């Protein structure tokens, strides 16, 4: 978000005098008793139906009709280009859809009614969020990338319940609160001097803030000075959040989007908080209409701190940059294909990158076609075994035998066992949990993240493995490999393969 200093000295002075301590470094921002009616409040214009075609898919899971997944026309002219996914809670659908058009995202705008409780209730069961993500990815007409959550006003209730669960948080790249983080007062009403808050419902956001400060995801909080009276304002909850996180609020007099007047900010790691002036309904709505600008801020913050740019490992046409056995792997229709549908696969074969990688995030899509019992996998931190067709290292499995082991972690030609889960009972439980998420014979999204001894795997946005290697002698650098497993006639297809190296 681009901001410029307020040009009118009189406005600056008035705000300065209203907020004691704002002129020096650390500051506070209290709910304002003033209602401002003179500032103009520019608004987005609701679009008409003309223009390029848009892709809309209705989303429902369980007994809840969540709304429509909206995908705006691609600005690049490639309708199937990868899109970030925003799930937005509360506020008019068309505002979130307008933000999607501006940012190139896909979005699901969820409208469940009035009050935070109606948004919180469906997510009381943590599994609902994972099921919702799986349904979105199944229904999406385009490839979806990282997942972000945003909530305006009462919509924070859904986000609060979602982020209570650590498995849910691991699937999220960023969270944005638009003037929406409330709490009750201990005595049911504000005190004469200082109010005591019921903090239990703020604690999930405190935990999220700590993760953001540690760089695990982005967390952006925005608030005005609006003062509900019967429950705590977003300013009071923001102050509690900052105090608990030990992050200082600093003065920041600036124009924000849609004429908003920013008064303060706080920042640590990938956590950012912005305080705005105004105690009227239009001030509250301003932040909703600025959704696109704050989405962009959150996405940029989520991507910060990575040492490398994305590198495409496959050019879509040739096997340049890869090495492997002749006649087993080929480039076909924008994909790397291993195996055959007419002949049995005599043994395991691997196509490997010519260079090695240490700490990285790898993204790709994969699918298998062919007879039952087909098997393949993606090798990371691996090496060729001299004089053998095998390679040694970690494999993110794509096995489809008696058990579905997509996304499990196998130690290929080294310890020759599954690392997590490590036993048969664990594999059966894993298979039951994962099988409903896999799109058989269709493309599935893989994300593999290796940092130090830790290896994390996501399939179709769902975390399948979070493994920490206990053996310090195991190599933390190696090639990326694509496998076709020995067995019945089958093919393993891989595409959209890209990697970025991490600090």
Foldseek 3Di string as FASTA:
>chain_A
DDWDFDPDPVVVVVVPVVFPPQVDFFGADAQDPDFDDPFDFDFDDQDDPDDDDKDWDFADDDPDGFAIWTFGAAPVNDRADEAEEEEEEDDDPSLVVVLCVVVRHIYGYGYQDDALVSLQVVCLPLVSLVVRLLRCLVGDPYHYDAYEYEYAASNVSNVLSNLVDVQSVLLHAEYEYQQYDWFAFPVQFADPPHTHTPCPSLVSVLVVQVCQLVLSHAYEYEHESAQPGRIHGPSVSVVVSCVSNVWGKHADFIQDPSRWTWGIKTDHRRYIYTYTYRHDPSNSCSSSSCVSVVVVVRVVSSPPQFDWDKDFCDPQAANPQKDWDPPAWTRDRSKIKGFFQPFFFAFKAKIWGPDKAFFKKKKWKKAKDHDAFWWKWKFHQWADDPPDRFIFGWTQICTGHPFGRHRWIAGTPPPGATPVVGDPVRRRVLRVVCVVSDDHPDIKMWMWGQDQQWIWIDISSRTRDTDGDPDPPRGRMDIMMIMGGGGGGMMMIMHPIIMIHGD
